[in-house]
Amino acid sequence: MGSKARENYLRGERPPLFFPRRLKLLLFLLGVSLLSYIYIGGDYGFLQILSHRSQVQALQMDIKKGMVRKVDLARKIELISQDSTFMRKYIREEMGMARKGEKIYWFKEVR
């Protein structure tokens, strides 16, 4: 510390750079915390992007399941329209219908 700075300090005066340093530090920390919020926790932040990615993956799996179901149903429609034996079997087993005079028995599964 120079002699002039020491005299000012002894008189109770602050050094001229004391307040601006603290203000710069405060502004720096405020800026860092603001940028952290924007890039990590904001609407378009890292956490939101990860959340949206998992939602996209779940929706893609639903789409794949739907496509497989569509192909399976198209195959069943084709079989029903071409094969009368399959049609009768499907009507009896899946829809629970019976011809006149037939009885349907339902059994509960014991676990």
PDB file of N, CA and C in Angstrom:
ATOM      1  N   MET A   1       0.842  -1.154   0.000  1.00  0.00           N
ATOM      2  CA  MET A   1       0.000   0.000   0.000  1.00  0.00           C
ATOM      3  C   MET A   1       0.898   1.232   0.000  1.00  0.00           C
ATOM      4  N   GLY A   2       0.627   2.161  -0.902  1.00  0.00           N
ATOM      5  CA  GLY A   2       1.399   3.397  -0.956  1.00  0.00           C
ATOM      6  C   GLY A   2       1.055   4.292   0.225  1.00  0.00           C
ATOM      7  N   SER A   3       1.868   5.312   0.443  1.00  0.00           N
ATOM      8  CA  SER A   3       1.653   6.184   1.599  1.00  0.00           C
ATOM      9  C   SER A   3       0.346   6.963   1.480  1.00  0.00           C
ATOM     10  N   LYS A   4      -0.020   7.411   0.275  1.00  0.00           N
ATOM     11  CA  LYS A   4      -1.251   8.167   0.100  1.00  0.00           C
ATOM     12  C   LYS A   4      -2.467   7.263   0.336  1.00  0.00           C
ATOM     13  N   ALA A   5      -2.411   6.045  -0.161  1.00  0.00           N
ATOM     14  CA  ALA A   5      -3.486   5.101   0.042  1.00  0.00           C
ATOM     15  C   ALA A   5      -3.606   4.746   1.520  1.00  0.00           C
ATOM     16  N   ARG A   6      -2.458   4.672   2.212  1.00  0.00           N
ATOM     17  CA  ARG A   6      -2.471   4.342   3.635  1.00  0.00           C
ATOM     18  C   ARG A   6      -3.108   5.469   4.444  1.00  0.00           C
ATOM     19  N   GLU A   7      -2.769   6.688   4.090  1.00  0.00           N
ATOM     20  CA  GLU A   7      -3.356   7.838   4.792  1.00  0.00           C
ATOM     21  C   GLU A   7      -4.879   7.869   4.588  1.00  0.00           C
ATOM     22  N   ASN A   8      -5.316   7.610   3.375  1.00  0.00           N
ATOM     23  CA  ASN A   8      -6.752   7.581   3.107  1.00  0.00           C
ATOM     24  C   ASN A   8      -7.433   6.449   3.888  1.00  0.00           C
ATOM     25  N   TYR A   9      -6.750   5.334   3.989  1.00  0.00           N
ATOM     26  CA  TYR A   9      -7.314   4.198   4.712  1.00  0.00           C
ATOM     27  C   TYR A   9      -7.434   4.521   6.195  1.00  0.00           C
ATOM     28  N   LEU A  10      -6.412   5.168   6.748  1.00  0.00           N
ATOM     29  CA  LEU A  10      -6.444   5.527   8.163  1.00  0.00           C
ATOM     30  C   LEU A  10      -7.527   6.566   8.447  1.00  0.00           C
ATOM     31  N   ARG A  11      -7.850   7.408   7.493  1.00  0.00           N
ATOM     32  CA  ARG A  11      -8.920   8.393   7.664  1.00  0.00           C
ATOM     33  C   ARG A  11     -10.304   7.739   7.524  1.00  0.00           C
ATOM     34  N   GLY A  12     -10.357   6.477   7.159  1.00  0.00           N
ATOM     35  CA  GLY A  12     -11.631   5.787   7.027  1.00  0.00           C
ATOM     36  C   GLY A  12     -12.184   5.795   5.629  1.00  0.00           C
ATOM     37  N   GLU A  13     -11.391   6.265   4.697  1.00  0.00           N
ATOM     38  CA  GLU A  13     -11.867   6.271   3.309  1.00  0.00           C
ATOM     39  C   GLU A  13     -11.570   4.918   2.669  1.00  0.00           C
ATOM     40  N   ARG A  14     -12.486   4.512   1.834  1.00  0.00           N
ATOM     41  CA  ARG A  14     -12.286   3.245   1.122  1.00  0.00           C
ATOM     42  C   ARG A  14     -11.415   3.478  -0.100  1.00  0.00           C
ATOM     43  N   PRO A  15     -10.693   2.464  -0.477  1.00  0.00           N
ATOM     44  CA  PRO A  15      -9.949   2.582  -1.730  1.00  0.00           C
ATOM     45  C   PRO A  15     -10.936   2.711  -2.894  1.00  0.00           C
ATOM     46  N   PRO A  16     -10.594   3.440  -3.917  1.00  0.00           N
ATOM     47  CA  PRO A  16     -11.545   3.702  -4.992  1.00  0.00           C
ATOM     48  C   PRO A  16     -12.001   2.455  -5.750  1.00  0.00           C
ATOM     49  N   LEU A  17     -11.245   1.359  -5.767  1.00  0.00           N
ATOM     50  CA  LEU A  17     -11.612   0.162  -6.516  1.00  0.00           C
ATOM     51  C   LEU A  17     -12.406  -0.841  -5.685  1.00  0.00           C
ATOM     52  N   PHE A  18     -12.643  -0.566  -4.409  1.00  0.00           N
ATOM     53  CA  PHE A  18     -13.301  -1.535  -3.533  1.00  0.00           C
ATOM     54  C   PHE A  18     -14.748  -1.784  -3.952  1.00  0.00           C
ATOM     55  N   PHE A  19     -15.533  -0.748  -4.136  1.00  0.00           N
ATOM     56  CA  PHE A  19     -16.936  -0.912  -4.499  1.00  0.00           C
ATOM     57  C   PHE A  19     -17.092  -1.446  -5.914  1.00  0.00           C
ATOM     58  N   PRO A  20     -16.391  -0.944  -6.910  1.00  0.00           N
ATOM     59  CA  PRO A  20     -16.559  -1.497  -8.256  1.00  0.00           C
ATOM     60  C   PRO A  20     -16.171  -2.974  -8.358  1.00  0.00           C
ATOM     61  N   ARG A  21     -15.189  -3.427  -7.609  1.00  0.00           N
ATOM     62  CA  ARG A  21     -14.823  -4.849  -7.638  1.00  0.00           C
ATOM     63  C   ARG A  21     -15.978  -5.701  -7.134  1.00  0.00           C
ATOM     64  N   ARG A  22     -16.573  -5.260  -6.034  1.00  0.00           N
ATOM     65  CA  ARG A  22     -17.687  -6.009  -5.473  1.00  0.00           C
ATOM     66  C   ARG A  22     -18.887  -5.980  -6.430  1.00  0.00           C
ATOM     67  N   LEU A  23     -19.109  -4.841  -7.035  1.00  0.00           N
ATOM     68  CA  LEU A  23     -20.200  -4.715  -7.992  1.00  0.00           C
ATOM     69  C   LEU A  23     -19.949  -5.590  -9.216  1.00  0.00           C
ATOM     70  N   LYS A  24     -18.713  -5.614  -9.695  1.00  0.00           N
ATOM     71  CA  LYS A  24     -18.378  -6.475 -10.836  1.00  0.00           C
ATOM     72  C   LYS A  24     -18.598  -7.943 -10.493  1.00  0.00           C
ATOM     73  N   LEU A  25     -18.177  -8.330  -9.290  1.00  0.00           N
ATOM     74  CA  LEU A  25     -18.360  -9.715  -8.863  1.00  0.00           C
ATOM     75  C   LEU A  25     -19.850 -10.058  -8.773  1.00  0.00           C
ATOM     76  N   LEU A  26     -20.622  -9.157  -8.205  1.00  0.00           N
ATOM     77  CA  LEU A  26     -22.059  -9.374  -8.092  1.00  0.00           C
ATOM     78  C   LEU A  26     -22.707  -9.478  -9.468  1.00  0.00           C
ATOM     79  N   LEU A  27     -22.354  -8.596 -10.376  1.00  0.00           N
ATOM     80  CA  LEU A  27     -22.906  -8.651 -11.732  1.00  0.00           C
ATOM     81  C   LEU A  27     -22.470  -9.914 -12.461  1.00  0.00           C
ATOM     82  N   PHE A  28     -21.222 -10.318 -12.255  1.00  0.00           N
ATOM     83  CA  PHE A  28     -20.730 -11.544 -12.873  1.00  0.00           C
ATOM     84  C   PHE A  28     -21.515 -12.764 -12.374  1.00  0.00           C
ATOM     85  N   LEU A  29     -21.690 -12.852 -11.058  1.00  0.00           N
ATOM     86  CA  LEU A  29     -22.433 -13.982 -10.495  1.00  0.00           C
ATOM     87  C   LEU A  29     -23.893 -13.958 -10.927  1.00  0.00           C
ATOM     88  N   LEU A  30     -24.485 -12.779 -11.017  1.00  0.00           N
ATOM     89  CA  LEU A  30     -25.851 -12.655 -11.490  1.00  0.00           C
ATOM     90  C   LEU A  30     -25.961 -13.116 -12.948  1.00  0.00           C
ATOM     91  N   GLY A  31     -25.006 -12.715 -13.772  1.00  0.00           N
ATOM     92  CA  GLY A  31     -24.996 -13.139 -15.176  1.00  0.00           C
ATOM     93  C   GLY A  31     -24.819 -14.640 -15.322  1.00  0.00           C
ATOM     94  N   VAL A  32     -23.905 -15.214 -14.532  1.00  0.00           N
ATOM     95  CA  VAL A  32     -23.677 -16.660 -14.584  1.00  0.00           C
ATOM     96  C   VAL A  32     -24.933 -17.416 -14.151  1.00  0.00           C
ATOM     97  N   SER A  33     -25.573 -16.946 -13.076  1.00  0.00           N
ATOM     98  CA  SER A  33     -26.779 -17.639 -12.630  1.00  0.00           C
ATOM     99  C   SER A  33     -27.921 -17.488 -13.643  1.00  0.00           C
ATOM    100  N   LEU A  34     -28.026 -16.339 -14.298  1.00  0.00           N
ATOM    101  CA  LEU A  34     -29.049 -16.146 -15.321  1.00  0.00           C
ATOM    102  C   LEU A  34     -28.805 -17.058 -16.520  1.00  0.00           C
ATOM    103  N   LEU A  35     -27.568 -17.110 -16.983  1.00  0.00           N
ATOM    104  CA  LEU A  35     -27.235 -17.996 -18.100  1.00  0.00           C
ATOM    105  C   LEU A  35     -27.440 -19.465 -17.722  1.00  0.00           C
ATOM    106  N   SER A  36     -27.104 -19.812 -16.490  1.00  0.00           N
ATOM    107  CA  SER A  36     -27.313 -21.189 -16.036  1.00  0.00           C
ATOM    108  C   SER A  36     -28.792 -21.538 -16.065  1.00  0.00           C
ATOM    109  N   TYR A  37     -29.628 -20.632 -15.599  1.00  0.00           N
ATOM    110  CA  TYR A  37     -31.068 -20.896 -15.629  1.00  0.00           C
ATOM    111  C   TYR A  37     -31.570 -21.034 -17.057  1.00  0.00           C
ATOM    112  N   ILE A  38     -31.124 -20.157 -17.926  1.00  0.00           N
ATOM    113  CA  ILE A  38     -31.594 -20.189 -19.316  1.00  0.00           C
ATOM    114  C   ILE A  38     -31.175 -21.484 -20.001  1.00  0.00           C
ATOM    115  N   TYR A  39     -29.908 -21.870 -19.848  1.00  0.00           N
ATOM    116  CA  TYR A  39     -29.406 -23.035 -20.580  1.00  0.00           C
ATOM    117  C   TYR A  39     -29.680 -24.363 -19.895  1.00  0.00           C
ATOM    118  N   ILE A  40     -29.936 -24.340 -18.600  1.00  0.00           N
ATOM    119  CA  ILE A  40     -30.168 -25.609 -17.901  1.00  0.00           C
ATOM    120  C   ILE A  40     -31.637 -25.790 -17.559  1.00  0.00           C
ATOM    121  N   GLY A  41     -32.274 -24.788 -16.976  1.00  0.00           N
ATOM    122  CA  GLY A  41     -33.611 -24.984 -16.460  1.00  0.00           C
ATOM    123  C   GLY A  41     -34.718 -24.229 -17.153  1.00  0.00           C
ATOM    124  N   GLY A  42     -34.430 -23.442 -18.136  1.00  0.00           N
ATOM    125  CA  GLY A  42     -35.460 -22.642 -18.786  1.00  0.00           C
ATOM    126  C   GLY A  42     -36.356 -23.460 -19.692  1.00  0.00           C
ATOM    127  N   ASP A  43     -37.228 -22.781 -20.420  1.00  0.00           N
ATOM    128  CA  ASP A  43     -38.158 -23.469 -21.314  1.00  0.00           C
ATOM    129  C   ASP A  43     -37.438 -24.266 -22.401  1.00  0.00           C
ATOM    130  N   TYR A  44     -36.307 -23.785 -22.852  1.00  0.00           N
ATOM    131  CA  TYR A  44     -35.538 -24.481 -23.875  1.00  0.00           C
ATOM    132  C   TYR A  44     -34.201 -24.953 -23.314  1.00  0.00           C
ATOM    133  N   GLY A  45     -34.165 -25.217 -22.032  1.00  0.00           N
ATOM    134  CA  GLY A  45     -32.948 -25.636 -21.364  1.00  0.00           C
ATOM    135  C   GLY A  45     -32.655 -27.108 -21.554  1.00  0.00           C
ATOM    136  N   PHE A  46     -31.525 -27.497 -21.016  1.00  0.00           N
ATOM    137  CA  PHE A  46     -31.026 -28.858 -21.159  1.00  0.00           C
ATOM    138  C   PHE A  46     -32.001 -29.873 -20.576  1.00  0.00           C
ATOM    139  N   LEU A  47     -32.567 -29.581 -19.403  1.00  0.00           N
ATOM    140  CA  LEU A  47     -33.492 -30.521 -18.774  1.00  0.00           C
ATOM    141  C   LEU A  47     -34.765 -30.688 -19.599  1.00  0.00           C
ATOM    142  N   GLN A  48     -35.256 -29.612 -20.172  1.00  0.00           N
ATOM    143  CA  GLN A  48     -36.444 -29.691 -21.010  1.00  0.00           C
ATOM    144  C   GLN A  48     -36.161 -30.496 -22.278  1.00  0.00           C
ATOM    145  N   ILE A  49     -34.988 -30.300 -22.840  1.00  0.00           N
ATOM    146  CA  ILE A  49     -34.618 -31.044 -24.053  1.00  0.00           C
ATOM    147  C   ILE A  49     -34.566 -32.539 -23.756  1.00  0.00           C
ATOM    148  N   LEU A  50     -33.994 -32.915 -22.620  1.00  0.00           N
ATOM    149  CA  LEU A  50     -33.955 -34.330 -22.248  1.00  0.00           C
ATOM    150  C   LEU A  50     -35.367 -34.877 -22.049  1.00  0.00           C
ATOM    151  N   SER A  51     -36.216 -34.101 -21.429  1.00  0.00           N
ATOM    152  CA  SER A  51     -37.599 -34.524 -21.218  1.00  0.00           C
ATOM    153  C   SER A  51     -38.316 -34.715 -22.552  1.00  0.00           C
ATOM    154  N   HIS A  52     -38.118 -33.784 -23.461  1.00  0.00           N
ATOM    155  CA  HIS A  52     -38.767 -33.887 -24.769  1.00  0.00           C
ATOM    156  C   HIS A  52     -38.220 -35.065 -25.575  1.00  0.00           C
ATOM    157  N   ARG A  53     -36.949 -35.340 -25.434  1.00  0.00           N
ATOM    158  CA  ARG A  53     -36.377 -36.491 -26.145  1.00  0.00           C
ATOM    159  C   ARG A  53     -37.011 -37.792 -25.677  1.00  0.00           C
ATOM    160  N   SER A  54     -37.209 -37.932 -24.374  1.00  0.00           N
ATOM    161  CA  SER A  54     -37.828 -39.161 -23.876  1.00  0.00           C
ATOM    162  C   SER A  54     -39.285 -39.250 -24.333  1.00  0.00           C
ATOM    163  N   GLN A  55     -39.976 -38.106 -24.411  1.00  0.00           N
ATOM    164  CA  GLN A  55     -41.349 -38.118 -24.914  1.00  0.00           C
ATOM    165  C   GLN A  55     -41.383 -38.510 -26.389  1.00  0.00           C
ATOM    166  N   VAL A  56     -40.434 -38.022 -27.163  1.00  0.00           N
ATOM    167  CA  VAL A  56     -40.362 -38.360 -28.586  1.00  0.00           C
ATOM    168  C   VAL A  56     -40.115 -39.852 -28.755  1.00  0.00           C
ATOM    169  N   GLN A  57     -39.219 -40.408 -27.950  1.00  0.00           N
ATOM    170  CA  GLN A  57     -38.946 -41.844 -28.035  1.00  0.00           C
ATOM    171  C   GLN A  57     -40.181 -42.666 -27.684  1.00  0.00           C
ATOM    172  N   ALA A  58     -40.925 -42.238 -26.660  1.00  0.00           N
ATOM    173  CA  ALA A  58     -42.147 -42.956 -26.283  1.00  0.00           C
ATOM    174  C   ALA A  58     -43.180 -42.878 -27.407  1.00  0.00           C
ATOM    175  N   LEU A  59     -43.313 -41.720 -28.031  1.00  0.00           N
ATOM    176  CA  LEU A  59     -44.261 -41.582 -29.134  1.00  0.00           C
ATOM    177  C   LEU A  59     -43.837 -42.403 -30.348  1.00  0.00           C
ATOM    178  N   GLN A  60     -42.540 -42.490 -30.609  1.00  0.00           N
ATOM    179  CA  GLN A  60     -42.060 -43.312 -31.713  1.00  0.00           C
ATOM    180  C   GLN A  60     -42.367 -44.785 -31.465  1.00  0.00           C
ATOM    181  N   MET A  61     -42.241 -45.223 -30.201  1.00  0.00           N
ATOM    182  CA  MET A  61     -42.591 -46.610 -29.877  1.00  0.00           C
ATOM    183  C   MET A  61     -44.090 -46.849 -30.072  1.00  0.00           C
ATOM    184  N   ASP A  62     -44.914 -45.870 -29.696  1.00  0.00           N
ATOM    185  CA  ASP A  62     -46.357 -45.997 -29.912  1.00  0.00           C
ATOM    186  C   ASP A  62     -46.678 -46.091 -31.402  1.00  0.00           C
ATOM    187  N   ILE A  63     -45.976 -45.315 -32.204  1.00  0.00           N
ATOM    188  CA  ILE A  63     -46.191 -45.351 -33.654  1.00  0.00           C
ATOM    189  C   ILE A  63     -45.817 -46.728 -34.212  1.00  0.00           C
ATOM    190  N   LYS A  64     -44.690 -47.269 -33.756  1.00  0.00           N
ATOM    191  CA  LYS A  64     -44.273 -48.593 -34.226  1.00  0.00           C
ATOM    192  C   LYS A  64     -45.287 -49.668 -33.830  1.00  0.00           C
ATOM    193  N   LYS A  65     -45.784 -49.580 -32.601  1.00  0.00           N
ATOM    194  CA  LYS A  65     -46.792 -50.552 -32.153  1.00  0.00           C
ATOM    195  C   LYS A  65     -48.057 -50.418 -32.992  1.00  0.00           C
ATOM    196  N   GLY A  66     -48.441 -49.189 -33.285  1.00  0.00           N
ATOM    197  CA  GLY A  66     -49.628 -48.963 -34.109  1.00  0.00           C
ATOM    198  C   GLY A  66     -49.458 -49.509 -35.514  1.00  0.00           C
ATOM    199  N   MET A  67     -48.250 -49.362 -36.072  1.00  0.00           N
ATOM    200  CA  MET A  67     -47.995 -49.886 -37.421  1.00  0.00           C
ATOM    201  C   MET A  67     -48.052 -51.410 -37.433  1.00  0.00           C
ATOM    202  N   VAL A  68     -47.501 -52.039 -36.400  1.00  0.00           N
ATOM    203  CA  VAL A  68     -47.548 -53.504 -36.304  1.00  0.00           C
ATOM    204  C   VAL A  68     -49.000 -53.959 -36.170  1.00  0.00           C
ATOM    205  N   ARG A  69     -49.776 -53.252 -35.340  1.00  0.00           N
ATOM    206  CA  ARG A  69     -51.188 -53.592 -35.182  1.00  0.00           C
ATOM    207  C   ARG A  69     -51.948 -53.421 -36.497  1.00  0.00           C
ATOM    208  N   LYS A  70     -51.613 -52.381 -37.252  1.00  0.00           N
ATOM    209  CA  LYS A  70     -52.272 -52.137 -38.542  1.00  0.00           C
ATOM    210  C   LYS A  70     -52.005 -53.296 -39.504  1.00  0.00           C
ATOM    211  N   VAL A  71     -50.745 -53.737 -39.569  1.00  0.00           N
ATOM    212  CA  VAL A  71     -50.389 -54.847 -40.453  1.00  0.00           C
ATOM    213  C   VAL A  71     -51.110 -56.125 -40.009  1.00  0.00           C
ATOM    214  N   ASP A  72     -51.162 -56.354 -38.697  1.00  0.00           N
ATOM    215  CA  ASP A  72     -51.838 -57.540 -38.182  1.00  0.00           C
ATOM    216  C   ASP A  72     -53.329 -57.512 -38.512  1.00  0.00           C
ATOM    217  N   LEU A  73     -53.964 -56.367 -38.334  1.00  0.00           N
ATOM    218  CA  LEU A  73     -55.396 -56.263 -38.653  1.00  0.00           C
ATOM    219  C   LEU A  73     -55.652 -56.404 -40.153  1.00  0.00           C
ATOM    220  N   ALA A  74     -54.767 -55.854 -40.965  1.00  0.00           N
ATOM    221  CA  ALA A  74     -54.920 -56.005 -42.418  1.00  0.00           C
ATOM    222  C   ALA A  74     -54.817 -57.471 -42.817  1.00  0.00           C
ATOM    223  N   ARG A  75     -53.917 -58.194 -42.178  1.00  0.00           N
ATOM    224  CA  ARG A  75     -53.772 -59.630 -42.462  1.00  0.00           C
ATOM    225  C   ARG A  75     -55.020 -60.394 -42.038  1.00  0.00           C
ATOM    226  N   LYS A  76     -55.577 -60.041 -40.865  1.00  0.00           N
ATOM    227  CA  LYS A  76     -56.798 -60.709 -40.416  1.00  0.00           C
ATOM    228  C   LYS A  76     -57.959 -60.410 -41.357  1.00  0.00           C
ATOM    229  N   ILE A  77     -58.069 -59.171 -41.814  1.00  0.00           N
ATOM    230  CA  ILE A  77     -59.134 -58.804 -42.755  1.00  0.00           C
ATOM    231  C   ILE A  77     -59.007 -59.613 -44.032  1.00  0.00           C
ATOM    232  N   GLU A  78     -57.779 -59.749 -44.503  1.00  0.00           N
ATOM    233  CA  GLU A  78     -57.547 -60.534 -45.721  1.00  0.00           C
ATOM    234  C   GLU A  78     -57.929 -61.992 -45.512  1.00  0.00           C
ATOM    235  N   LEU A  79     -57.526 -62.569 -44.371  1.00  0.00           N
ATOM    236  CA  LEU A  79     -57.869 -63.965 -44.091  1.00  0.00           C
ATOM    237  C   LEU A  79     -59.377 -64.151 -43.936  1.00  0.00           C
ATOM    238  N   ILE A  80     -60.038 -63.221 -43.256  1.00  0.00           N
ATOM    239  CA  ILE A  80     -61.487 -63.338 -43.062  1.00  0.00           C
ATOM    240  C   ILE A  80     -62.220 -63.266 -44.395  1.00  0.00           C
ATOM    241  N   SER A  81     -61.757 -62.368 -45.264  1.00  0.00           N
ATOM    242  CA  SER A  81     -62.456 -62.216 -46.548  1.00  0.00           C
ATOM    243  C   SER A  81     -62.182 -63.375 -47.505  1.00  0.00           C
ATOM    244  N   GLN A  82     -61.073 -64.089 -47.348  1.00  0.00           N
ATOM    245  CA  GLN A  82     -60.728 -65.160 -48.285  1.00  0.00           C
ATOM    246  C   GLN A  82     -61.021 -66.565 -47.759  1.00  0.00           C
ATOM    247  N   ASP A  83     -60.975 -66.754 -46.447  1.00  0.00           N
ATOM    248  CA  ASP A  83     -61.090 -68.098 -45.877  1.00  0.00           C
ATOM    249  C   ASP A  83     -62.320 -68.161 -44.977  1.00  0.00           C
ATOM    250  N   SER A  84     -63.329 -68.907 -45.404  1.00  0.00           N
ATOM    251  CA  SER A  84     -64.575 -68.978 -44.626  1.00  0.00           C
ATOM    252  C   SER A  84     -64.377 -69.752 -43.315  1.00  0.00           C
ATOM    253  N   THR A  85     -63.470 -70.709 -43.284  1.00  0.00           N
ATOM    254  CA  THR A  85     -63.197 -71.454 -42.052  1.00  0.00           C
ATOM    255  C   THR A  85     -62.593 -70.536 -41.000  1.00  0.00           C
ATOM    256  N   PHE A  86     -61.643 -69.725 -41.425  1.00  0.00           N
ATOM    257  CA  PHE A  86     -61.025 -68.770 -40.493  1.00  0.00           C
ATOM    258  C   PHE A  86     -62.067 -67.762 -40.017  1.00  0.00           C
ATOM    259  N   MET A  87     -62.949 -67.343 -40.922  1.00  0.00           N
ATOM    260  CA  MET A  87     -63.982 -66.379 -40.578  1.00  0.00           C
ATOM    261  C   MET A  87     -64.897 -66.945 -39.492  1.00  0.00           C
ATOM    262  N   ARG A  88     -65.326 -68.185 -39.641  1.00  0.00           N
ATOM    263  CA  ARG A  88     -66.193 -68.815 -38.636  1.00  0.00           C
ATOM    264  C   ARG A  88     -65.468 -68.939 -37.294  1.00  0.00           C
ATOM    265  N   LYS A  89     -64.215 -69.379 -37.361  1.00  0.00           N
ATOM    266  CA  LYS A  89     -63.419 -69.525 -36.135  1.00  0.00           C
ATOM    267  C   LYS A  89     -63.249 -68.168 -35.444  1.00  0.00           C
ATOM    268  N   TYR A  90     -62.942 -67.138 -36.217  1.00  0.00           N
ATOM    269  CA  TYR A  90     -62.740 -65.799 -35.659  1.00  0.00           C
ATOM    270  C   TYR A  90     -64.029 -65.281 -35.032  1.00  0.00           C
ATOM    271  N   ILE A  91     -65.153 -65.473 -35.712  1.00  0.00           N
ATOM    272  CA  ILE A  91     -66.440 -65.003 -35.193  1.00  0.00           C
ATOM    273  C   ILE A  91     -66.774 -65.707 -33.890  1.00  0.00           C
ATOM    274  N   ARG A  92     -66.513 -66.986 -33.818  1.00  0.00           N
ATOM    275  CA  ARG A  92     -66.827 -67.738 -32.593  1.00  0.00           C
ATOM    276  C   ARG A  92     -65.893 -67.365 -31.443  1.00  0.00           C
ATOM    277  N   GLU A  93     -64.591 -67.334 -31.709  1.00  0.00           N
ATOM    278  CA  GLU A  93     -63.629 -67.128 -30.625  1.00  0.00           C
ATOM    279  C   GLU A  93     -63.513 -65.665 -30.193  1.00  0.00           C
ATOM    280  N   GLU A  94     -63.428 -64.767 -31.141  1.00  0.00           N
ATOM    281  CA  GLU A  94     -63.183 -63.364 -30.800  1.00  0.00           C
ATOM    282  C   GLU A  94     -64.460 -62.602 -30.473  1.00  0.00           C
ATOM    283  N   MET A  95     -65.536 -62.923 -31.142  1.00  0.00           N
ATOM    284  CA  MET A  95     -66.770 -62.161 -30.943  1.00  0.00           C
ATOM    285  C   MET A  95     -67.752 -62.871 -30.027  1.00  0.00           C
ATOM    286  N   GLY A  96     -67.506 -64.139 -29.718  1.00  0.00           N
ATOM    287  CA  GLY A  96     -68.361 -64.874 -28.798  1.00  0.00           C
ATOM    288  C   GLY A  96     -69.721 -65.225 -29.368  1.00  0.00           C
ATOM    289  N   MET A  97     -69.816 -65.348 -30.672  1.00  0.00           N
ATOM    290  CA  MET A  97     -71.094 -65.675 -31.310  1.00  0.00           C
ATOM    291  C   MET A  97     -71.180 -67.181 -31.528  1.00  0.00           C
ATOM    292  N   ALA A  98     -72.409 -67.659 -31.693  1.00  0.00           N
ATOM    293  CA  ALA A  98     -72.623 -69.091 -31.906  1.00  0.00           C
ATOM    294  C   ALA A  98     -73.754 -69.282 -32.908  1.00  0.00           C
ATOM    295  N   ARG A  99     -73.774 -70.459 -33.508  1.00  0.00           N
ATOM    296  CA  ARG A  99     -74.877 -70.813 -34.406  1.00  0.00           C
ATOM    297  C   ARG A  99     -76.102 -71.148 -33.572  1.00  0.00           C
ATOM    298  N   LYS A 100     -77.228 -71.278 -34.256  1.00  0.00           N
ATOM    299  CA  LYS A 100     -78.441 -71.689 -33.548  1.00  0.00           C
ATOM    300  C   LYS A 100     -78.243 -73.089 -33.006  1.00  0.00           C
ATOM    301  N   GLY A 101     -78.633 -73.250 -31.764  1.00  0.00           N
ATOM    302  CA  GLY A 101     -78.525 -74.563 -31.128  1.00  0.00           C
ATOM    303  C   GLY A 101     -77.197 -74.807 -30.432  1.00  0.00           C
ATOM    304  N   GLU A 102     -76.197 -74.001 -30.664  1.00  0.00           N
ATOM    305  CA  GLU A 102     -74.905 -74.173 -29.996  1.00  0.00           C
ATOM    306  C   GLU A 102     -74.920 -73.448 -28.658  1.00  0.00           C
ATOM    307  N   LYS A 103     -74.188 -73.997 -27.728  1.00  0.00           N
ATOM    308  CA  LYS A 103     -74.042 -73.363 -26.420  1.00  0.00           C
ATOM    309  C   LYS A 103     -72.583 -72.971 -26.243  1.00  0.00           C
ATOM    310  N   ILE A 104     -72.390 -71.829 -25.611  1.00  0.00           N
ATOM    311  CA  ILE A 104     -71.025 -71.351 -25.356  1.00  0.00           C
ATOM    312  C   ILE A 104     -70.752 -71.460 -23.863  1.00  0.00           C
ATOM    313  N   TYR A 105     -69.641 -72.075 -23.541  1.00  0.00           N
ATOM    314  CA  TYR A 105     -69.230 -72.220 -22.146  1.00  0.00           C
ATOM    315  C   TYR A 105     -67.987 -71.362 -21.925  1.00  0.00           C
ATOM    316  N   TRP A 106     -68.035 -70.546 -20.901  1.00  0.00           N
ATOM    317  CA  TRP A 106     -66.890 -69.703 -20.542  1.00  0.00           C
ATOM    318  C   TRP A 106     -66.292 -70.245 -19.256  1.00  0.00           C
ATOM    319  N   PHE A 107     -64.997 -70.415 -19.239  1.00  0.00           N
ATOM    320  CA  PHE A 107     -64.299 -70.934 -18.066  1.00  0.00           C
ATOM    321  C   PHE A 107     -63.359 -69.845 -17.535  1.00  0.00           C
ATOM    322  N   LYS A 108     -63.398 -69.698 -16.217  1.00  0.00           N
ATOM    323  CA  LYS A 108     -62.477 -68.760 -15.603  1.00  0.00           C
ATOM    324  C   LYS A 108     -61.142 -69.461 -15.383  1.00  0.00           C
ATOM    325  N   GLU A 109     -60.080 -68.708 -15.596  1.00  0.00           N
ATOM    326  CA  GLU A 109     -58.758 -69.267 -15.361  1.00  0.00           C
ATOM    327  C   GLU A 109     -58.438 -69.204 -13.876  1.00  0.00           C
ATOM    328  N   VAL A 110     -57.944 -70.301 -13.313  1.00  0.00           N
ATOM    329  CA  VAL A 110     -57.573 -70.354 -11.909  1.00  0.00           C
ATOM    330  C   VAL A 110     -56.081 -70.059 -11.830  1.00  0.00           C
ATOM    331  N   ARG A 111     -55.767 -69.140 -10.970  1.00  0.00           N
ATOM    332  CA  ARG A 111     -54.328 -68.777 -10.843  1.00  0.00           C
ATOM    333  C   ARG A 111     -53.781 -69.254  -9.545  1.00  0.00           C
TER     334      ARG A 111
END
